């Protein structure tokens, strides 16, 4: 299993989510609004406070075979070609447990 964390522009979020929902077998997405400062200090994205940029963070845990389709979909739909488009991080996941049922790993997704 893999955890995919993607930081994308908030104005691209709706299109990214729409495209991700079309991937068969995608278990779910956690979405957070986050702020950060990068090398470009926001590029042309919406800045707040001390130059922080407001972005959306997507967190998705998938079976390994969905890693590339999910990453490719995010890159394709989130990219504007301008500085500040965001980043994607992929991590291995050792274990998943659904609290309500105690199901584990693939069944817990």
N, C-alpha and C. Protein backbone atom coordinates (compact mmCIF):
# COMPACT_ATOMS: atom_id res chain seq x y z
N UNK A 1 0.84 -1.18 0.00
CA UNK A 1 0.00 0.00 0.00
C UNK A 1 0.88 1.24 0.00
N UNK A 2 0.31 2.32 -0.52
CA UNK A 2 1.03 3.58 -0.60
C UNK A 2 0.15 4.71 -0.09
N UNK A 3 0.79 5.67 0.58
CA UNK A 3 0.11 6.91 0.92
C UNK A 3 0.61 7.97 -0.05
N UNK A 4 -0.31 8.63 -0.68
CA UNK A 4 0.02 9.71 -1.62
C UNK A 4 -0.45 11.01 -0.98
N UNK A 5 0.50 11.93 -0.76
CA UNK A 5 0.16 13.27 -0.27
C UNK A 5 0.45 14.23 -1.39
N UNK A 6 -0.54 15.01 -1.75
CA UNK A 6 -0.38 15.99 -2.82
C UNK A 6 -0.76 17.35 -2.30
N UNK A 7 0.10 18.33 -2.58
CA UNK A 7 -0.19 19.72 -2.25
C UNK A 7 -0.47 20.40 -3.58
N UNK A 8 -1.70 20.91 -3.75
CA UNK A 8 -2.10 21.50 -5.03
C UNK A 8 -2.73 22.86 -4.81
N UNK A 9 -2.78 23.65 -5.86
CA UNK A 9 -3.45 24.95 -5.80
C UNK A 9 -4.93 24.75 -5.47
N UNK A 10 -5.46 25.62 -4.63
CA UNK A 10 -6.88 25.49 -4.27
C UNK A 10 -7.78 25.71 -5.47
N UNK A 11 -7.35 26.52 -6.44
CA UNK A 11 -8.20 26.76 -7.61
C UNK A 11 -8.19 25.58 -8.58
N UNK A 12 -7.34 24.57 -8.37
CA UNK A 12 -7.31 23.36 -9.20
C UNK A 12 -7.97 22.18 -8.49
N UNK A 13 -8.33 22.36 -7.21
CA UNK A 13 -8.83 21.26 -6.40
C UNK A 13 -10.05 20.57 -7.00
N UNK A 14 -11.03 21.33 -7.42
CA UNK A 14 -12.27 20.73 -7.94
C UNK A 14 -11.99 19.84 -9.15
N UNK A 15 -11.16 20.31 -10.06
CA UNK A 15 -10.83 19.51 -11.24
C UNK A 15 -10.04 18.26 -10.87
N UNK A 16 -9.10 18.39 -9.92
CA UNK A 16 -8.33 17.23 -9.47
C UNK A 16 -9.25 16.19 -8.84
N UNK A 17 -10.15 16.62 -7.96
CA UNK A 17 -11.07 15.69 -7.30
C UNK A 17 -11.98 15.00 -8.31
N UNK A 18 -12.49 15.75 -9.26
CA UNK A 18 -13.36 15.17 -10.28
C UNK A 18 -12.63 14.07 -11.04
N UNK A 19 -11.39 14.31 -11.42
CA UNK A 19 -10.61 13.32 -12.16
C UNK A 19 -10.27 12.12 -11.28
N UNK A 20 -9.94 12.35 -10.01
CA UNK A 20 -9.62 11.24 -9.12
C UNK A 20 -10.83 10.35 -8.88
N UNK A 21 -12.01 10.92 -8.77
CA UNK A 21 -13.22 10.13 -8.54
C UNK A 21 -13.51 9.19 -9.71
N UNK A 22 -12.95 9.46 -10.87
CA UNK A 22 -13.14 8.60 -12.04
C UNK A 22 -12.25 7.36 -12.00
N UNK A 23 -11.29 7.30 -11.09
CA UNK A 23 -10.41 6.14 -10.97
C UNK A 23 -11.13 5.04 -10.22
N UNK A 24 -11.35 3.92 -10.88
CA UNK A 24 -12.06 2.81 -10.27
C UNK A 24 -11.23 2.21 -9.13
N UNK A 25 -11.87 1.99 -8.00
CA UNK A 25 -11.20 1.39 -6.86
C UNK A 25 -10.56 2.38 -5.91
N UNK A 26 -10.66 3.67 -6.20
CA UNK A 26 -10.09 4.67 -5.30
C UNK A 26 -10.91 4.68 -4.01
N UNK A 27 -10.28 4.38 -2.85
CA UNK A 27 -11.05 4.21 -1.62
C UNK A 27 -11.57 5.50 -1.00
N UNK A 28 -10.86 6.59 -1.10
CA UNK A 28 -11.28 7.84 -0.48
C UNK A 28 -10.15 8.83 -0.45
N UNK A 29 -10.49 10.06 -0.15
CA UNK A 29 -9.51 11.15 -0.16
C UNK A 29 -9.76 12.01 1.07
N UNK A 30 -8.69 12.35 1.79
CA UNK A 30 -8.77 13.32 2.87
C UNK A 30 -8.24 14.64 2.34
N UNK A 31 -8.99 15.72 2.56
CA UNK A 31 -8.63 17.03 2.02
C UNK A 31 -8.48 18.02 3.18
N UNK A 32 -7.38 18.76 3.16
CA UNK A 32 -7.13 19.80 4.16
C UNK A 32 -6.71 21.07 3.44
N UNK A 33 -7.06 22.21 4.01
CA UNK A 33 -6.54 23.48 3.51
C UNK A 33 -5.31 23.78 4.35
N UNK A 34 -4.18 24.02 3.68
CA UNK A 34 -2.91 24.22 4.37
C UNK A 34 -2.26 25.50 3.88
N UNK A 35 -1.27 25.98 4.64
CA UNK A 35 -0.50 27.14 4.23
C UNK A 35 0.97 26.77 4.26
N UNK A 36 1.76 27.36 3.38
CA UNK A 36 3.18 27.07 3.37
C UNK A 36 3.94 28.13 2.60
N UNK A 37 5.25 28.05 2.72
CA UNK A 37 6.14 28.95 2.01
C UNK A 37 7.17 28.10 1.29
N UNK A 38 7.31 28.31 0.00
CA UNK A 38 8.29 27.57 -0.78
C UNK A 38 9.35 28.50 -1.32
N UNK A 39 10.19 27.95 -2.17
CA UNK A 39 11.27 28.75 -2.77
C UNK A 39 10.74 29.92 -3.56
N UNK A 40 9.60 29.72 -4.24
CA UNK A 40 9.07 30.79 -5.10
C UNK A 40 8.22 31.79 -4.32
N UNK A 41 7.99 31.53 -3.04
CA UNK A 41 7.18 32.41 -2.19
C UNK A 41 5.82 32.69 -2.81
N UNK A 42 5.24 31.62 -3.37
CA UNK A 42 3.87 31.72 -3.83
C UNK A 42 3.70 31.85 -5.32
N UNK A 43 4.74 32.22 -6.04
CA UNK A 43 4.56 32.40 -7.48
C UNK A 43 3.42 33.36 -7.71
N UNK A 44 2.42 32.91 -8.45
CA UNK A 44 1.25 33.75 -8.67
C UNK A 44 0.03 33.21 -7.94
N UNK A 45 0.26 32.29 -6.97
CA UNK A 45 -0.84 31.74 -6.19
C UNK A 45 -1.27 32.75 -5.13
N UNK A 46 -2.42 32.49 -4.54
CA UNK A 46 -2.97 33.38 -3.51
C UNK A 46 -2.08 33.34 -2.26
N UNK A 47 -1.56 34.48 -1.83
CA UNK A 47 -0.71 34.53 -0.65
C UNK A 47 -1.47 35.12 0.52
N UNK A 48 -1.05 34.74 1.73
CA UNK A 48 -1.67 35.24 2.94
C UNK A 48 -0.57 35.59 3.93
N UNK A 49 -0.89 36.36 4.95
CA UNK A 49 0.03 36.62 6.06
C UNK A 49 1.41 37.04 5.62
N UNK A 50 2.41 36.27 6.01
CA UNK A 50 3.81 36.60 5.75
C UNK A 50 4.31 35.96 4.45
N UNK A 51 3.49 35.95 3.43
CA UNK A 51 3.88 35.37 2.15
C UNK A 51 3.52 33.90 2.03
N UNK A 52 2.78 33.38 3.04
CA UNK A 52 2.36 31.98 2.92
C UNK A 52 1.38 31.86 1.77
N UNK A 53 1.36 30.68 1.20
CA UNK A 53 0.43 30.38 0.13
C UNK A 53 -0.60 29.40 0.67
N UNK A 54 -1.87 29.66 0.41
CA UNK A 54 -2.91 28.72 0.79
C UNK A 54 -3.03 27.67 -0.30
N UNK A 55 -2.95 26.42 0.09
CA UNK A 55 -3.01 25.29 -0.84
C UNK A 55 -3.97 24.25 -0.28
N UNK A 56 -4.27 23.24 -1.09
CA UNK A 56 -5.06 22.11 -0.63
C UNK A 56 -4.13 20.90 -0.53
N UNK A 57 -4.28 20.14 0.55
CA UNK A 57 -3.50 18.91 0.71
C UNK A 57 -4.45 17.73 0.59
N UNK A 58 -4.12 16.82 -0.31
CA UNK A 58 -4.88 15.59 -0.50
C UNK A 58 -4.07 14.46 0.09
N UNK A 59 -4.71 13.59 0.84
CA UNK A 59 -4.06 12.40 1.38
C UNK A 59 -4.88 11.20 0.97
N UNK A 60 -4.21 10.26 0.29
CA UNK A 60 -4.90 9.11 -0.28
C UNK A 60 -4.06 7.87 0.00
N UNK A 61 -4.67 6.82 0.54
CA UNK A 61 -3.99 5.55 0.72
C UNK A 61 -4.60 4.56 -0.26
N UNK A 62 -3.73 3.95 -1.08
CA UNK A 62 -4.20 3.06 -2.15
C UNK A 62 -3.34 1.80 -2.19
N UNK A 63 -3.86 0.77 -2.83
CA UNK A 63 -3.06 -0.40 -3.15
C UNK A 63 -1.98 0.03 -4.13
N UNK A 64 -0.87 -0.66 -4.16
CA UNK A 64 0.30 -0.28 -4.96
C UNK A 64 -0.04 -0.10 -6.44
N UNK A 65 -0.95 -0.91 -6.97
CA UNK A 65 -1.26 -0.81 -8.40
C UNK A 65 -1.98 0.48 -8.77
N UNK A 66 -2.54 1.19 -7.79
CA UNK A 66 -3.20 2.46 -8.08
C UNK A 66 -2.26 3.66 -7.92
N UNK A 67 -1.06 3.44 -7.44
CA UNK A 67 -0.13 4.56 -7.21
C UNK A 67 0.08 5.38 -8.47
N UNK A 68 0.50 4.75 -9.56
CA UNK A 68 0.79 5.51 -10.79
C UNK A 68 -0.44 6.18 -11.38
N UNK A 69 -1.60 5.50 -11.49
CA UNK A 69 -2.77 6.21 -12.01
C UNK A 69 -3.16 7.43 -11.17
N UNK A 70 -3.05 7.33 -9.85
CA UNK A 70 -3.41 8.46 -8.98
C UNK A 70 -2.41 9.60 -9.17
N UNK A 71 -1.12 9.29 -9.12
CA UNK A 71 -0.10 10.34 -9.29
C UNK A 71 -0.22 10.98 -10.66
N UNK A 72 -0.37 10.18 -11.71
CA UNK A 72 -0.49 10.72 -13.06
C UNK A 72 -1.71 11.63 -13.20
N UNK A 73 -2.82 11.23 -12.59
CA UNK A 73 -4.05 12.03 -12.65
C UNK A 73 -3.86 13.37 -11.94
N UNK A 74 -3.21 13.35 -10.79
CA UNK A 74 -2.98 14.61 -10.07
C UNK A 74 -2.07 15.52 -10.87
N UNK A 75 -0.99 14.99 -11.40
CA UNK A 75 -0.06 15.81 -12.20
C UNK A 75 -0.79 16.42 -13.39
N UNK A 76 -1.56 15.61 -14.10
CA UNK A 76 -2.26 16.07 -15.31
C UNK A 76 -3.27 17.16 -15.00
N UNK A 77 -4.01 17.02 -13.90
CA UNK A 77 -5.11 17.95 -13.63
C UNK A 77 -4.71 19.13 -12.76
N UNK A 78 -3.63 19.01 -11.98
CA UNK A 78 -3.22 20.10 -11.10
C UNK A 78 -2.24 21.06 -11.76
N UNK A 79 -1.58 20.63 -12.81
CA UNK A 79 -0.52 21.43 -13.42
C UNK A 79 -1.07 22.62 -14.20
N UNK A 80 -0.49 23.78 -13.92
CA UNK A 80 -0.78 24.97 -14.71
C UNK A 80 0.45 25.39 -15.51
N UNK A 81 1.61 24.80 -15.16
CA UNK A 81 2.85 25.17 -15.79
C UNK A 81 3.51 26.39 -15.17
N UNK A 82 2.92 26.89 -14.10
CA UNK A 82 3.46 28.07 -13.42
C UNK A 82 4.09 27.67 -12.10
N UNK A 83 5.01 28.49 -11.56
CA UNK A 83 5.55 28.20 -10.24
C UNK A 83 4.44 28.12 -9.20
N UNK A 84 4.60 27.22 -8.24
CA UNK A 84 3.61 27.10 -7.17
C UNK A 84 2.52 26.08 -7.44
N UNK A 85 2.71 25.22 -8.45
CA UNK A 85 1.70 24.19 -8.75
C UNK A 85 1.60 23.14 -7.65
N UNK A 86 2.66 22.94 -6.87
CA UNK A 86 2.59 22.01 -5.75
C UNK A 86 3.56 20.86 -5.87
N UNK A 87 3.36 19.86 -5.02
CA UNK A 87 4.23 18.69 -4.94
C UNK A 87 3.40 17.46 -4.63
N UNK A 88 3.97 16.29 -4.96
CA UNK A 88 3.36 15.01 -4.60
C UNK A 88 4.43 14.19 -3.88
N UNK A 89 4.05 13.58 -2.76
CA UNK A 89 4.94 12.72 -2.00
C UNK A 89 4.29 11.34 -1.91
N UNK A 90 5.07 10.28 -2.07
CA UNK A 90 4.54 8.92 -1.99
C UNK A 90 5.32 8.17 -0.92
N UNK A 91 4.59 7.53 0.01
CA UNK A 91 5.19 6.82 1.13
C UNK A 91 4.66 5.39 1.17
N UNK A 92 5.49 4.44 1.62
CA UNK A 92 4.96 3.09 1.86
C UNK A 92 4.09 3.10 3.13
N UNK A 93 3.06 2.27 3.15
CA UNK A 93 2.18 2.14 4.31
C UNK A 93 2.31 0.71 4.82
N UNK A 94 2.69 0.57 6.07
CA UNK A 94 2.91 -0.75 6.64
C UNK A 94 1.61 -1.42 7.08
N UNK A 95 0.64 -0.63 7.54
CA UNK A 95 -0.57 -1.23 8.09
C UNK A 95 -1.69 -0.20 8.12
N UNK A 96 -2.90 -0.68 7.86
CA UNK A 96 -4.11 0.14 7.96
C UNK A 96 -5.11 -0.64 8.80
N UNK A 97 -5.77 0.03 9.73
CA UNK A 97 -6.80 -0.61 10.54
C UNK A 97 -8.04 0.28 10.54
N UNK A 98 -9.18 -0.28 10.18
CA UNK A 98 -10.45 0.45 10.28
C UNK A 98 -10.92 0.33 11.73
N UNK A 99 -11.04 1.42 12.41
CA UNK A 99 -11.34 1.42 13.84
C UNK A 99 -12.69 0.75 14.13
N UNK A 100 -13.70 1.06 13.36
CA UNK A 100 -15.05 0.56 13.64
C UNK A 100 -15.13 -0.96 13.60
N UNK A 101 -14.46 -1.60 12.61
CA UNK A 101 -14.63 -3.05 12.40
C UNK A 101 -13.38 -3.87 12.70
N UNK A 102 -12.26 -3.22 12.91
CA UNK A 102 -10.96 -3.87 13.10
C UNK A 102 -10.44 -4.53 11.82
N UNK A 103 -11.07 -4.26 10.68
CA UNK A 103 -10.54 -4.78 9.41
C UNK A 103 -9.18 -4.18 9.19
N UNK A 104 -8.32 -4.93 8.49
CA UNK A 104 -6.97 -4.46 8.27
C UNK A 104 -6.61 -4.44 6.79
N UNK A 105 -5.63 -3.60 6.50
CA UNK A 105 -4.99 -3.46 5.19
C UNK A 105 -6.02 -3.22 4.08
N UNK A 106 -6.01 -3.97 3.00
CA UNK A 106 -6.87 -3.68 1.85
C UNK A 106 -8.35 -3.63 2.25
N UNK A 107 -8.77 -4.51 3.15
CA UNK A 107 -10.18 -4.50 3.58
C UNK A 107 -10.53 -3.25 4.37
N UNK A 108 -9.54 -2.61 4.97
CA UNK A 108 -9.79 -1.41 5.76
C UNK A 108 -9.90 -0.17 4.90
N UNK A 109 -9.43 -0.25 3.67
CA UNK A 109 -9.51 0.92 2.80
C UNK A 109 -10.92 1.10 2.31
